[in-house]
Amino acid sequence: MTMLMPITIPKREKLLLLEQFRQEVEKELGEDPGPFVGEHLMDFILKQAGPYVYNMAIQDARMMLEEKYDSMVEELYSLEKRHPKL
């Protein structure tokens, strides 16, 4: 089984997410966590929640593949030729 890689977000996107995260914390809690605390909290949340989000995405992908597989099997059955009656 392949070992999961840690979640890495490109620097530009991480800065945008961090700013949104800080704004949300300030709006909801009335305090700006600051860049260091904000980044630490965001990294902690990603580390803790990441596996759950990843597993949900895998379940969604698995269901989609199962539906596609079932559809392909039905299509193959529809292509079968009937035996002529003797």
PDB file of N, CA and C in Angstrom:
ATOM      1  N   MET A   1       0.847  -1.185   0.000  1.00  0.00           N
ATOM      2  CA  MET A   1       0.000   0.000   0.000  1.00  0.00           C
ATOM      3  C   MET A   1       0.884   1.236   0.000  1.00  0.00           C
ATOM      4  N   THR A   2       0.486   2.238  -0.758  1.00  0.00           N
ATOM      5  CA  THR A   2       1.253   3.459  -0.870  1.00  0.00           C
ATOM      6  C   THR A   2       1.096   4.309   0.390  1.00  0.00           C
ATOM      7  N   MET A   3       2.216   4.846   0.876  1.00  0.00           N
ATOM      8  CA  MET A   3       2.186   5.719   2.040  1.00  0.00           C
ATOM      9  C   MET A   3       1.632   7.081   1.631  1.00  0.00           C
ATOM     10  N   LEU A   4       0.732   7.635   2.422  1.00  0.00           N
ATOM     11  CA  LEU A   4       0.143   8.926   2.114  1.00  0.00           C
ATOM     12  C   LEU A   4       1.161  10.042   2.314  1.00  0.00           C
ATOM     13  N   MET A   5       1.162  10.967   1.368  1.00  0.00           N
ATOM     14  CA  MET A   5       2.030  12.131   1.486  1.00  0.00           C
ATOM     15  C   MET A   5       1.329  13.160   2.350  1.00  0.00           C
ATOM     16  N   PRO A   6       2.100  13.951   3.095  1.00  0.00           N
ATOM     17  CA  PRO A   6       1.459  15.002   3.885  1.00  0.00           C
ATOM     18  C   PRO A   6       0.799  16.029   2.964  1.00  0.00           C
ATOM     19  N   ILE A   7      -0.216  16.695   3.477  1.00  0.00           N
ATOM     20  CA  ILE A   7      -0.898  17.714   2.692  1.00  0.00           C
ATOM     21  C   ILE A   7       0.031  18.914   2.539  1.00  0.00           C
ATOM     22  N   THR A   8       0.298  19.267   1.309  1.00  0.00           N
ATOM     23  CA  THR A   8       1.092  20.467   1.052  1.00  0.00           C
ATOM     24  C   THR A   8       0.285  21.374   0.136  1.00  0.00           C
ATOM     25  N   ILE A   9       0.249  22.626   0.498  1.00  0.00           N
ATOM     26  CA  ILE A   9      -0.489  23.620  -0.269  1.00  0.00           C
ATOM     27  C   ILE A   9       0.538  24.594  -0.832  1.00  0.00           C
ATOM     28  N   PRO A  10       0.464  24.886  -2.137  1.00  0.00           N
ATOM     29  CA  PRO A  10       1.404  25.849  -2.709  1.00  0.00           C
ATOM     30  C   PRO A  10       1.387  27.162  -1.917  1.00  0.00           C
ATOM     31  N   LYS A  11       2.546  27.812  -1.856  1.00  0.00           N
ATOM     32  CA  LYS A  11       2.730  28.993  -1.006  1.00  0.00           C
ATOM     33  C   LYS A  11       1.674  30.069  -1.246  1.00  0.00           C
ATOM     34  N   ARG A  12       1.405  30.376  -2.508  1.00  0.00           N
ATOM     35  CA  ARG A  12       0.450  31.446  -2.814  1.00  0.00           C
ATOM     36  C   ARG A  12      -0.944  31.108  -2.282  1.00  0.00           C
ATOM     37  N   GLU A  13      -1.391  29.873  -2.540  1.00  0.00           N
ATOM     38  CA  GLU A  13      -2.699  29.454  -2.065  1.00  0.00           C
ATOM     39  C   GLU A  13      -2.746  29.396  -0.539  1.00  0.00           C
ATOM     40  N   LYS A  14      -1.645  28.966   0.058  1.00  0.00           N
ATOM     41  CA  LYS A  14      -1.601  28.889   1.524  1.00  0.00           C
ATOM     42  C   LYS A  14      -1.716  30.281   2.138  1.00  0.00           C
ATOM     43  N   LEU A  15      -1.048  31.263   1.528  1.00  0.00           N
ATOM     44  CA  LEU A  15      -1.158  32.631   2.035  1.00  0.00           C
ATOM     45  C   LEU A  15      -2.589  33.151   1.923  1.00  0.00           C
ATOM     46  N   LEU A  16      -3.256  32.841   0.807  1.00  0.00           N
ATOM     47  CA  LEU A  16      -4.649  33.259   0.647  1.00  0.00           C
ATOM     48  C   LEU A  16      -5.549  32.570   1.671  1.00  0.00           C
ATOM     49  N   LEU A  17      -5.362  31.269   1.854  1.00  0.00           N
ATOM     50  CA  LEU A  17      -6.149  30.528   2.848  1.00  0.00           C
ATOM     51  C   LEU A  17      -5.895  31.056   4.257  1.00  0.00           C
ATOM     52  N   LEU A  18      -4.634  31.335   4.553  1.00  0.00           N
ATOM     53  CA  LEU A  18      -4.281  31.840   5.879  1.00  0.00           C
ATOM     54  C   LEU A  18      -4.962  33.175   6.129  1.00  0.00           C
ATOM     55  N   GLU A  19      -4.987  34.045   5.142  1.00  0.00           N
ATOM     56  CA  GLU A  19      -5.649  35.343   5.297  1.00  0.00           C
ATOM     57  C   GLU A  19      -7.156  35.145   5.528  1.00  0.00           C
ATOM     58  N   GLN A  20      -7.767  34.255   4.761  1.00  0.00           N
ATOM     59  CA  GLN A  20      -9.195  33.975   4.952  1.00  0.00           C
ATOM     60  C   GLN A  20      -9.453  33.372   6.332  1.00  0.00           C
ATOM     61  N   PHE A  21      -8.575  32.484   6.755  1.00  0.00           N
ATOM     62  CA  PHE A  21      -8.680  31.849   8.066  1.00  0.00           C
ATOM     63  C   PHE A  21      -8.594  32.903   9.165  1.00  0.00           C
ATOM     64  N   ARG A  22      -7.618  33.781   9.070  1.00  0.00           N
ATOM     65  CA  ARG A  22      -7.441  34.844  10.073  1.00  0.00           C
ATOM     66  C   ARG A  22      -8.658  35.765  10.111  1.00  0.00           C
ATOM     67  N   GLN A  23      -9.190  36.117   8.925  1.00  0.00           N
ATOM     68  CA  GLN A  23     -10.369  36.985   8.877  1.00  0.00           C
ATOM     69  C   GLN A  23     -11.576  36.318   9.536  1.00  0.00           C
ATOM     70  N   GLU A  24     -11.741  35.028   9.282  1.00  0.00           N
ATOM     71  CA  GLU A  24     -12.863  34.286   9.870  1.00  0.00           C
ATOM     72  C   GLU A  24     -12.730  34.221  11.390  1.00  0.00           C
ATOM     73  N   VAL A  25     -11.530  33.946  11.878  1.00  0.00           N
ATOM     74  CA  VAL A  25     -11.304  33.891  13.330  1.00  0.00           C
ATOM     75  C   VAL A  25     -11.576  35.260  13.945  1.00  0.00           C
ATOM     76  N   GLU A  26     -11.097  36.309  13.287  1.00  0.00           N
ATOM     77  CA  GLU A  26     -11.320  37.656  13.822  1.00  0.00           C
ATOM     78  C   GLU A  26     -12.807  38.009  13.815  1.00  0.00           C
ATOM     79  N   LYS A  27     -13.518  37.653  12.747  1.00  0.00           N
ATOM     80  CA  LYS A  27     -14.950  37.949  12.644  1.00  0.00           C
ATOM     81  C   LYS A  27     -15.742  37.190  13.709  1.00  0.00           C
ATOM     82  N   GLU A  28     -15.445  35.901  13.869  1.00  0.00           N
ATOM     83  CA  GLU A  28     -16.223  35.060  14.773  1.00  0.00           C
ATOM     84  C   GLU A  28     -15.812  35.188  16.238  1.00  0.00           C
ATOM     85  N   LEU A  29     -14.516  35.404  16.474  1.00  0.00           N
ATOM     86  CA  LEU A  29     -14.030  35.425  17.857  1.00  0.00           C
ATOM     87  C   LEU A  29     -13.587  36.808  18.320  1.00  0.00           C
ATOM     88  N   GLY A  30     -13.524  37.756  17.372  1.00  0.00           N
ATOM     89  CA  GLY A  30     -13.138  39.114  17.735  1.00  0.00           C
ATOM     90  C   GLY A  30     -11.651  39.288  17.986  1.00  0.00           C
ATOM     91  N   GLU A  31     -10.848  38.333  17.586  1.00  0.00           N
ATOM     92  CA  GLU A  31      -9.403  38.428  17.788  1.00  0.00           C
ATOM     93  C   GLU A  31      -8.668  37.973  16.541  1.00  0.00           C
ATOM     94  N   ASP A  32      -7.611  38.709  16.208  1.00  0.00           N
ATOM     95  CA  ASP A  32      -6.743  38.303  15.096  1.00  0.00           C
ATOM     96  C   ASP A  32      -5.683  37.378  15.667  1.00  0.00           C
ATOM     97  N   PRO A  33      -5.622  36.138  15.186  1.00  0.00           N
ATOM     98  CA  PRO A  33      -4.629  35.212  15.744  1.00  0.00           C
ATOM     99  C   PRO A  33      -3.199  35.551  15.351  1.00  0.00           C
ATOM    100  N   GLY A  34      -3.016  36.474  14.405  1.00  0.00           N
ATOM    101  CA  GLY A  34      -1.669  36.809  13.952  1.00  0.00           C
ATOM    102  C   GLY A  34      -1.159  35.755  12.985  1.00  0.00           C
ATOM    103  N   PRO A  35      -0.125  36.105  12.217  1.00  0.00           N
ATOM    104  CA  PRO A  35       0.334  35.178  11.171  1.00  0.00           C
ATOM    105  C   PRO A  35       0.905  33.874  11.712  1.00  0.00           C
ATOM    106  N   PHE A  36       1.698  33.916  12.774  1.00  0.00           N
ATOM    107  CA  PHE A  36       2.333  32.698  13.279  1.00  0.00           C
ATOM    108  C   PHE A  36       1.302  31.759  13.881  1.00  0.00           C
ATOM    109  N   VAL A  37       0.456  32.271  14.764  1.00  0.00           N
ATOM    110  CA  VAL A  37      -0.562  31.444  15.416  1.00  0.00           C
ATOM    111  C   VAL A  37      -1.571  30.961  14.378  1.00  0.00           C
ATOM    112  N   GLY A  38      -1.975  31.856  13.467  1.00  0.00           N
ATOM    113  CA  GLY A  38      -2.913  31.477  12.423  1.00  0.00           C
ATOM    114  C   GLY A  38      -2.386  30.342  11.567  1.00  0.00           C
ATOM    115  N   GLU A  39      -1.119  30.437  11.157  1.00  0.00           N
ATOM    116  CA  GLU A  39      -0.528  29.377  10.336  1.00  0.00           C
ATOM    117  C   GLU A  39      -0.416  28.076  11.121  1.00  0.00           C
ATOM    118  N   HIS A  40      -0.029  28.177  12.377  1.00  0.00           N
ATOM    119  CA  HIS A  40       0.091  26.979  13.214  1.00  0.00           C
ATOM    120  C   HIS A  40      -1.275  26.298  13.370  1.00  0.00           C
ATOM    121  N   LEU A  41      -2.316  27.089  13.654  1.00  0.00           N
ATOM    122  CA  LEU A  41      -3.654  26.520  13.804  1.00  0.00           C
ATOM    123  C   LEU A  41      -4.144  25.905  12.501  1.00  0.00           C
ATOM    124  N   MET A  42      -3.907  26.595  11.386  1.00  0.00           N
ATOM    125  CA  MET A  42      -4.346  26.069  10.101  1.00  0.00           C
ATOM    126  C   MET A  42      -3.620  24.759   9.785  1.00  0.00           C
ATOM    127  N   ASP A  43      -2.313  24.708  10.031  1.00  0.00           N
ATOM    128  CA  ASP A  43      -1.555  23.472   9.808  1.00  0.00           C
ATOM    129  C   ASP A  43      -2.065  22.342  10.702  1.00  0.00           C
ATOM    130  N   PHE A  44      -2.369  22.671  11.953  1.00  0.00           N
ATOM    131  CA  PHE A  44      -2.888  21.671  12.891  1.00  0.00           C
ATOM    132  C   PHE A  44      -4.224  21.119  12.405  1.00  0.00           C
ATOM    133  N   ILE A  45      -5.126  22.019  11.987  1.00  0.00           N
ATOM    134  CA  ILE A  45      -6.438  21.599  11.504  1.00  0.00           C
ATOM    135  C   ILE A  45      -6.293  20.733  10.263  1.00  0.00           C
ATOM    136  N   LEU A  46      -5.426  21.125   9.332  1.00  0.00           N
ATOM    137  CA  LEU A  46      -5.206  20.320   8.121  1.00  0.00           C
ATOM    138  C   LEU A  46      -4.666  18.937   8.484  1.00  0.00           C
ATOM    139  N   LYS A  47      -3.745  18.911   9.424  1.00  0.00           N
ATOM    140  CA  LYS A  47      -3.149  17.627   9.822  1.00  0.00           C
ATOM    141  C   LYS A  47      -4.192  16.724  10.475  1.00  0.00           C
ATOM    142  N   GLN A  48      -5.046  17.302  11.306  1.00  0.00           N
ATOM    143  CA  GLN A  48      -6.040  16.514  12.016  1.00  0.00           C
ATOM    144  C   GLN A  48      -7.234  16.145  11.129  1.00  0.00           C
ATOM    145  N   ALA A  49      -7.713  17.092  10.334  1.00  0.00           N
ATOM    146  CA  ALA A  49      -8.909  16.863   9.517  1.00  0.00           C
ATOM    147  C   ALA A  49      -8.575  16.252   8.162  1.00  0.00           C
ATOM    148  N   GLY A  50      -7.347  16.428   7.699  1.00  0.00           N
ATOM    149  CA  GLY A  50      -6.943  15.956   6.381  1.00  0.00           C
ATOM    150  C   GLY A  50      -7.285  14.503   6.101  1.00  0.00           C
ATOM    151  N   PRO A  51      -6.955  13.582   6.999  1.00  0.00           N
ATOM    152  CA  PRO A  51      -7.267  12.173   6.739  1.00  0.00           C
ATOM    153  C   PRO A  51      -8.766  11.912   6.575  1.00  0.00           C
ATOM    154  N   TYR A  52      -9.608  12.606   7.332  1.00  0.00           N
ATOM    155  CA  TYR A  52     -11.053  12.424   7.204  1.00  0.00           C
ATOM    156  C   TYR A  52     -11.535  12.922   5.840  1.00  0.00           C
ATOM    157  N   VAL A  53     -11.063  14.101   5.447  1.00  0.00           N
ATOM    158  CA  VAL A  53     -11.456  14.668   4.156  1.00  0.00           C
ATOM    159  C   VAL A  53     -10.951  13.765   3.030  1.00  0.00           C
ATOM    160  N   TYR A  54      -9.724  13.292   3.158  1.00  0.00           N
ATOM    161  CA  TYR A  54      -9.143  12.395   2.153  1.00  0.00           C
ATOM    162  C   TYR A  54      -9.973  11.116   2.031  1.00  0.00           C
ATOM    163  N   ASN A  55     -10.326  10.527   3.167  1.00  0.00           N
ATOM    164  CA  ASN A  55     -11.108   9.286   3.152  1.00  0.00           C
ATOM    165  C   ASN A  55     -12.492   9.505   2.538  1.00  0.00           C
ATOM    166  N   MET A  56     -13.103  10.653   2.806  1.00  0.00           N
ATOM    167  CA  MET A  56     -14.393  10.960   2.198  1.00  0.00           C
ATOM    168  C   MET A  56     -14.253  11.071   0.683  1.00  0.00           C
ATOM    169  N   ALA A  57     -13.170  11.698   0.220  1.00  0.00           N
ATOM    170  CA  ALA A  57     -12.939  11.818  -1.221  1.00  0.00           C
ATOM    171  C   ALA A  57     -12.723  10.441  -1.845  1.00  0.00           C
ATOM    172  N   ILE A  58     -11.993   9.571  -1.158  1.00  0.00           N
ATOM    173  CA  ILE A  58     -11.772   8.210  -1.650  1.00  0.00           C
ATOM    174  C   ILE A  58     -13.099   7.458  -1.726  1.00  0.00           C
ATOM    175  N   GLN A  59     -13.955   7.608  -0.715  1.00  0.00           N
ATOM    176  CA  GLN A  59     -15.264   6.950  -0.744  1.00  0.00           C
ATOM    177  C   GLN A  59     -16.099   7.448  -1.916  1.00  0.00           C
ATOM    178  N   ASP A  60     -16.073   8.761  -2.148  1.00  0.00           N
ATOM    179  CA  ASP A  60     -16.806   9.319  -3.290  1.00  0.00           C
ATOM    180  C   ASP A  60     -16.280   8.747  -4.602  1.00  0.00           C
ATOM    181  N   ALA A  61     -14.958   8.685  -4.732  1.00  0.00           N
ATOM    182  CA  ALA A  61     -14.357   8.151  -5.957  1.00  0.00           C
ATOM    183  C   ALA A  61     -14.705   6.673  -6.122  1.00  0.00           C
ATOM    184  N   ARG A  62     -14.688   5.926  -5.023  1.00  0.00           N
ATOM    185  CA  ARG A  62     -15.022   4.502  -5.071  1.00  0.00           C
ATOM    186  C   ARG A  62     -16.465   4.308  -5.534  1.00  0.00           C
ATOM    187  N   MET A  63     -17.395   5.099  -5.002  1.00  0.00           N
ATOM    188  CA  MET A  63     -18.792   4.981  -5.409  1.00  0.00           C
ATOM    189  C   MET A  63     -18.954   5.328  -6.888  1.00  0.00           C
ATOM    190  N   MET A  64     -18.262   6.360  -7.340  1.00  0.00           N
ATOM    191  CA  MET A  64     -18.343   6.746  -8.741  1.00  0.00           C
ATOM    192  C   MET A  64     -17.818   5.619  -9.633  1.00  0.00           C
ATOM    193  N   LEU A  65     -16.687   5.019  -9.255  1.00  0.00           N
ATOM    194  CA  LEU A  65     -16.128   3.922 -10.037  1.00  0.00           C
ATOM    195  C   LEU A  65     -17.043   2.700 -10.035  1.00  0.00           C
ATOM    196  N   GLU A  66     -17.664   2.406  -8.899  1.00  0.00           N
ATOM    197  CA  GLU A  66     -18.588   1.273  -8.832  1.00  0.00           C
ATOM    198  C   GLU A  66     -19.779   1.497  -9.750  1.00  0.00           C
ATOM    199  N   GLU A  67     -20.299   2.727  -9.782  1.00  0.00           N
ATOM    200  CA  GLU A  67     -21.408   3.041 -10.678  1.00  0.00           C
ATOM    201  C   GLU A  67     -20.984   2.886 -12.136  1.00  0.00           C
ATOM    202  N   LYS A  68     -19.794   3.377 -12.472  1.00  0.00           N
ATOM    203  CA  LYS A  68     -19.289   3.247 -13.845  1.00  0.00           C
ATOM    204  C   LYS A  68     -19.096   1.780 -14.196  1.00  0.00           C
ATOM    205  N   TYR A  69     -18.544   1.009 -13.259  1.00  0.00           N
ATOM    206  CA  TYR A  69     -18.318  -0.416 -13.496  1.00  0.00           C
ATOM    207  C   TYR A  69     -19.643  -1.132 -13.742  1.00  0.00           C
ATOM    208  N   ASP A  70     -20.636  -0.864 -12.890  1.00  0.00           N
ATOM    209  CA  ASP A  70     -21.949  -1.500 -13.059  1.00  0.00           C
ATOM    210  C   ASP A  70     -22.546  -1.158 -14.422  1.00  0.00           C
ATOM    211  N   SER A  71     -22.393   0.086 -14.831  1.00  0.00           N
ATOM    212  CA  SER A  71     -22.907   0.518 -16.128  1.00  0.00           C
ATOM    213  C   SER A  71     -22.191  -0.207 -17.270  1.00  0.00           C
ATOM    214  N   MET A  72     -20.881  -0.388 -17.144  1.00  0.00           N
ATOM    215  CA  MET A  72     -20.116  -1.094 -18.184  1.00  0.00           C
ATOM    216  C   MET A  72     -20.528  -2.557 -18.253  1.00  0.00           C
ATOM    217  N   VAL A  73     -20.758  -3.175 -17.097  1.00  0.00           N
ATOM    218  CA  VAL A  73     -21.178  -4.576 -17.075  1.00  0.00           C
ATOM    219  C   VAL A  73     -22.535  -4.715 -17.758  1.00  0.00           C
ATOM    220  N   GLU A  74     -23.459  -3.812 -17.457  1.00  0.00           N
ATOM    221  CA  GLU A  74     -24.777  -3.847 -18.104  1.00  0.00           C
ATOM    222  C   GLU A  74     -24.635  -3.682 -19.617  1.00  0.00           C
ATOM    223  N   GLU A  75     -23.765  -2.798 -20.033  1.00  0.00           N
ATOM    224  CA  GLU A  75     -23.559  -2.581 -21.465  1.00  0.00           C
ATOM    225  C   GLU A  75     -22.984  -3.834 -22.128  1.00  0.00           C
ATOM    226  N   LEU A  76     -22.063  -4.514 -21.451  1.00  0.00           N
ATOM    227  CA  LEU A  76     -21.505  -5.745 -22.004  1.00  0.00           C
ATOM    228  C   LEU A  76     -22.576  -6.824 -22.141  1.00  0.00           C
ATOM    229  N   TYR A  77     -23.457  -6.948 -21.132  1.00  0.00           N
ATOM    230  CA  TYR A  77     -24.539  -7.920 -21.235  1.00  0.00           C
ATOM    231  C   TYR A  77     -25.441  -7.603 -22.427  1.00  0.00           C
ATOM    232  N   SER A  78     -25.662  -6.310 -22.671  1.00  0.00           N
ATOM    233  CA  SER A  78     -26.540  -5.935 -23.784  1.00  0.00           C
ATOM    234  C   SER A  78     -25.906  -6.269 -25.141  1.00  0.00           C
ATOM    235  N   LEU A  79     -24.597  -6.447 -25.184  1.00  0.00           N
ATOM    236  CA  LEU A  79     -23.911  -6.770 -26.441  1.00  0.00           C
ATOM    237  C   LEU A  79     -23.880  -8.272 -26.739  1.00  0.00           C
ATOM    238  N   GLU A  80     -24.265  -9.076 -25.747  1.00  0.00           N
ATOM    239  CA  GLU A  80     -24.238 -10.515 -25.978  1.00  0.00           C
ATOM    240  C   GLU A  80     -25.212 -10.904 -27.081  1.00  0.00           C
ATOM    241  N   LYS A  81     -24.799 -11.865 -27.882  1.00  0.00           N
ATOM    242  CA  LYS A  81     -25.640 -12.381 -28.951  1.00  0.00           C
ATOM    243  C   LYS A  81     -26.498 -13.515 -28.397  1.00  0.00           C
ATOM    244  N   ARG A  82     -27.694 -13.572 -28.862  1.00  0.00           N
ATOM    245  CA  ARG A  82     -28.590 -14.674 -28.471  1.00  0.00           C
ATOM    246  C   ARG A  82     -28.262 -15.870 -29.376  1.00  0.00           C
ATOM    247  N   HIS A  83     -28.342 -17.044 -28.786  1.00  0.00           N
ATOM    248  CA  HIS A  83     -28.113 -18.270 -29.550  1.00  0.00           C
ATOM    249  C   HIS A  83     -29.343 -18.523 -30.432  1.00  0.00           C
ATOM    250  N   PRO A  84     -29.098 -18.861 -31.709  1.00  0.00           N
ATOM    251  CA  PRO A  84     -30.259 -19.197 -32.558  1.00  0.00           C
ATOM    252  C   PRO A  84     -30.886 -20.509 -32.069  1.00  0.00           C
ATOM    253  N   LYS A  85     -32.171 -20.579 -32.174  1.00  0.00           N
ATOM    254  CA  LYS A  85     -32.863 -21.808 -31.757  1.00  0.00           C
ATOM    255  C   LYS A  85     -32.614 -22.878 -32.811  1.00  0.00           C
ATOM    256  N   LEU A  86     -32.323 -24.041 -32.366  1.00  0.00           N
ATOM    257  CA  LEU A  86     -32.073 -25.149 -33.275  1.00  0.00           C
ATOM    258  C   LEU A  86     -33.318 -25.890 -33.628  1.00  0.00           C
TER     259      LEU A  86
END
